[in-house]
């Protein structure tokens, strides 16, 4: 190892797990309790070209599942935090989340 001292230094710094995210279960365990668990993802994500009344009906059905979900708030916070671009998450559609995110950014630039 002495031949490659920078490698030894790097190996020591890489072993510091304090800066790594926690185990997957700590971050995603809430999804196991979601009302949508086990449902077909097509229920929450629109197929290519879906528009108008068909899209509105699918979104309404998906949001109805979210209304009684025990992890609604966690799901919503996740979707807003990672700026989830597709689907119904936490009872919000893509455009609803986009509006919330844009409003937050506007408020931040005004303060």
C-alpha atoms as a PDB file:
ATOM      1  CA  UNK A   1       0.000   0.000   0.000  1.00  0.00           C
ATOM      2  CA  UNK A   2       2.874   2.382   0.633  1.00  0.00           C
ATOM      3  CA  UNK A   3       3.539   2.351  -3.074  1.00  0.00           C
ATOM      4  CA  UNK A   4       0.125   4.011  -3.585  1.00  0.00           C
ATOM      5  CA  UNK A   5      -0.385   6.313  -0.574  1.00  0.00           C
ATOM      6  CA  UNK A   6      -3.296   8.195  -2.169  1.00  0.00           C
ATOM      7  CA  UNK A   7      -5.169   4.908  -2.579  1.00  0.00           C
ATOM      8  CA  UNK A   8      -4.775   4.155   1.128  1.00  0.00           C
ATOM      9  CA  UNK A   9      -6.018   7.644   2.052  1.00  0.00           C
ATOM     10  CA  UNK A  10      -9.000   7.322  -0.252  1.00  0.00           C
ATOM     11  CA  UNK A  11      -9.881   3.902   1.163  1.00  0.00           C
ATOM     12  CA  UNK A  12      -9.922   5.339   4.681  1.00  0.00           C
ATOM     13  CA  UNK A  13     -12.186   8.247   3.694  1.00  0.00           C
ATOM     14  CA  UNK A  14     -14.506   5.951   1.749  1.00  0.00           C
ATOM     15  CA  UNK A  15     -15.002   3.779   4.820  1.00  0.00           C
ATOM     16  CA  UNK A  16     -16.641   6.673   6.691  1.00  0.00           C
ATOM     17  CA  UNK A  17     -20.284   5.632   6.399  1.00  0.00           C
ATOM     18  CA  UNK A  18     -21.658   8.560   8.425  1.00  0.00           C
ATOM     19  CA  UNK A  19     -22.136  10.616   5.273  1.00  0.00           C
ATOM     20  CA  UNK A  20     -23.973   7.866   3.408  1.00  0.00           C
ATOM     21  CA  UNK A  21     -27.782   7.693   3.385  1.00  0.00           C
ATOM     22  CA  UNK A  22     -29.393   5.289   5.804  1.00  0.00           C
ATOM     23  CA  UNK A  23     -30.541   1.825   4.839  1.00  0.00           C
ATOM     24  CA  UNK A  24     -33.177   1.674   2.152  1.00  0.00           C
ATOM     25  CA  UNK A  25     -35.860   0.586   4.611  1.00  0.00           C
ATOM     26  CA  UNK A  26     -35.341   3.780   6.625  1.00  0.00           C
ATOM     27  CA  UNK A  27     -36.012   5.891   3.549  1.00  0.00           C
ATOM     28  CA  UNK A  28     -38.771   3.916   1.861  1.00  0.00           C
ATOM     29  CA  UNK A  29     -40.528   1.914   4.581  1.00  0.00           C
ATOM     30  CA  UNK A  30     -43.584   4.166   4.354  1.00  0.00           C
ATOM     31  CA  UNK A  31     -44.258   2.837   0.839  1.00  0.00           C
ATOM     32  CA  UNK A  32     -44.911  -0.614   2.278  1.00  0.00           C
ATOM     33  CA  UNK A  33     -47.967   0.813   4.077  1.00  0.00           C
ATOM     34  CA  UNK A  34     -49.404   2.711   1.111  1.00  0.00           C
ATOM     35  CA  UNK A  35     -52.957   2.000  -0.025  1.00  0.00           C
ATOM     36  CA  UNK A  36     -51.562   1.719  -3.551  1.00  0.00           C
ATOM     37  CA  UNK A  37     -49.235  -1.142  -2.575  1.00  0.00           C
ATOM     38  CA  UNK A  38     -49.746  -4.024  -4.980  1.00  0.00           C
ATOM     39  CA  UNK A  39     -51.925  -2.049  -7.375  1.00  0.00           C
ATOM     40  CA  UNK A  40     -51.132  -1.784 -11.073  1.00  0.00           C
ATOM     41  CA  UNK A  41     -48.923   1.277 -11.613  1.00  0.00           C
ATOM     42  CA  UNK A  42     -50.995   2.169 -14.712  1.00  0.00           C
ATOM     43  CA  UNK A  43     -53.634   3.306 -12.226  1.00  0.00           C
ATOM     44  CA  UNK A  44     -51.339   6.165 -11.117  1.00  0.00           C
ATOM     45  CA  UNK A  45     -49.250   6.859 -14.235  1.00  0.00           C
ATOM     46  CA  UNK A  46     -50.790   7.981 -17.516  1.00  0.00           C
ATOM     47  CA  UNK A  47     -50.129   6.085 -20.732  1.00  0.00           C
ATOM     48  CA  UNK A  48     -48.626   8.007 -23.645  1.00  0.00           C
ATOM     49  CA  UNK A  49     -51.198  10.219 -25.296  1.00  0.00           C
ATOM     50  CA  UNK A  50     -53.830  10.062 -22.534  1.00  0.00           C
ATOM     51  CA  UNK A  51     -55.685  13.380 -22.459  1.00  0.00           C
ATOM     52  CA  UNK A  52     -58.952  15.038 -21.557  1.00  0.00           C
ATOM     53  CA  UNK A  53     -61.784  13.123 -19.875  1.00  0.00           C
ATOM     54  CA  UNK A  54     -59.933   9.781 -19.864  1.00  0.00           C
ATOM     55  CA  UNK A  55     -57.007  11.302 -18.002  1.00  0.00           C
ATOM     56  CA  UNK A  56     -59.277  13.185 -15.608  1.00  0.00           C
ATOM     57  CA  UNK A  57     -61.180   9.964 -14.766  1.00  0.00           C
ATOM     58  CA  UNK A  58     -57.994   7.968 -14.161  1.00  0.00           C
ATOM     59  CA  UNK A  59     -56.535  10.736 -11.988  1.00  0.00           C
ATOM     60  CA  UNK A  60     -59.764  10.983  -9.966  1.00  0.00           C
ATOM     61  CA  UNK A  61     -59.740   7.215  -9.326  1.00  0.00           C
ATOM     62  CA  UNK A  62     -56.081   7.323  -8.289  1.00  0.00           C
ATOM     63  CA  UNK A  63     -56.662  10.298  -5.993  1.00  0.00           C
ATOM     64  CA  UNK A  64     -59.576   8.448  -4.363  1.00  0.00           C
ATOM     65  CA  UNK A  65     -57.115   5.706  -3.351  1.00  0.00           C
ATOM     66  CA  UNK A  66     -54.818   8.371  -1.900  1.00  0.00           C
ATOM     67  CA  UNK A  67     -57.570   9.995   0.189  1.00  0.00           C
ATOM     68  CA  UNK A  68     -57.764   7.107   2.641  1.00  0.00           C
ATOM     69  CA  UNK A  69     -54.059   6.259   2.507  1.00  0.00           C
ATOM     70  CA  UNK A  70     -52.264   6.120   5.878  1.00  0.00           C
ATOM     71  CA  UNK A  71     -49.043   7.486   4.327  1.00  0.00           C
ATOM     72  CA  UNK A  72     -50.584  10.263   2.215  1.00  0.00           C
ATOM     73  CA  UNK A  73     -48.503  13.047   3.785  1.00  0.00           C
ATOM     74  CA  UNK A  74     -45.214  11.115   3.589  1.00  0.00           C
ATOM     75  CA  UNK A  75     -45.890  10.272  -0.046  1.00  0.00           C
ATOM     76  CA  UNK A  76     -46.714  13.882  -0.853  1.00  0.00           C
ATOM     77  CA  UNK A  77     -43.612  15.198   0.928  1.00  0.00           C
ATOM     78  CA  UNK A  78     -41.447  12.692  -0.948  1.00  0.00           C
ATOM     79  CA  UNK A  79     -42.915  13.601  -4.337  1.00  0.00           C
ATOM     80  CA  UNK A  80     -42.430  17.317  -3.721  1.00  0.00           C
ATOM     81  CA  UNK A  81     -38.917  16.900  -2.285  1.00  0.00           C
ATOM     82  CA  UNK A  82     -37.614  14.872  -5.234  1.00  0.00           C
ATOM     83  CA  UNK A  83     -39.802  16.746  -7.728  1.00  0.00           C
ATOM     84  CA  UNK A  84     -41.363  13.520  -8.953  1.00  0.00           C
ATOM     85  CA  UNK A  85     -42.178  14.279 -12.603  1.00  0.00           C
ATOM     86  CA  UNK A  86     -44.841  11.659 -13.347  1.00  0.00           C
ATOM     87  CA  UNK A  87     -47.943  10.116 -11.862  1.00  0.00           C
ATOM     88  CA  UNK A  88     -50.223  10.680  -8.912  1.00  0.00           C
ATOM     89  CA  UNK A  89     -48.238  10.883  -5.660  1.00  0.00           C
ATOM     90  CA  UNK A  90     -49.714  11.859  -2.316  1.00  0.00           C
ATOM     91  CA  UNK A  91     -53.011  12.714  -3.962  1.00  0.00           C
ATOM     92  CA  UNK A  92     -51.413  15.269  -6.287  1.00  0.00           C
ATOM     93  CA  UNK A  93     -51.158  15.165 -10.055  1.00  0.00           C
ATOM     94  CA  UNK A  94     -48.068  16.129 -12.026  1.00  0.00           C
ATOM     95  CA  UNK A  95     -49.440  19.601 -12.759  1.00  0.00           C
ATOM     96  CA  UNK A  96     -50.522  20.162  -9.139  1.00  0.00           C
ATOM     97  CA  UNK A  97     -47.056  19.257  -7.854  1.00  0.00           C
ATOM     98  CA  UNK A  98     -45.455  21.426 -10.515  1.00  0.00           C
ATOM     99  CA  UNK A  99     -47.595  24.373  -9.402  1.00  0.00           C
ATOM    100  CA  UNK A 100     -46.626  23.891  -5.742  1.00  0.00           C
ATOM    101  CA  UNK A 101     -42.927  23.602  -6.588  1.00  0.00           C
ATOM    102  CA  UNK A 102     -43.007  26.709  -8.792  1.00  0.00           C
ATOM    103  CA  UNK A 103     -44.863  28.685  -6.101  1.00  0.00           C
ATOM    104  CA  UNK A 104     -42.245  27.660  -3.510  1.00  0.00           C
ATOM    105  CA  UNK A 105     -39.436  28.757  -5.823  1.00  0.00           C
ATOM    106  CA  UNK A 106     -41.143  32.120  -6.418  1.00  0.00           C
ATOM    107  CA  UNK A 107     -41.495  32.669  -2.670  1.00  0.00           C
ATOM    108  CA  UNK A 108     -37.813  31.844  -2.169  1.00  0.00           C
ATOM    109  CA  UNK A 109     -36.717  34.335  -4.801  1.00  0.00           C
ATOM    110  CA  UNK A 110     -38.909  37.054  -3.291  1.00  0.00           C
ATOM    111  CA  UNK A 111     -37.448  36.680   0.200  1.00  0.00           C
END
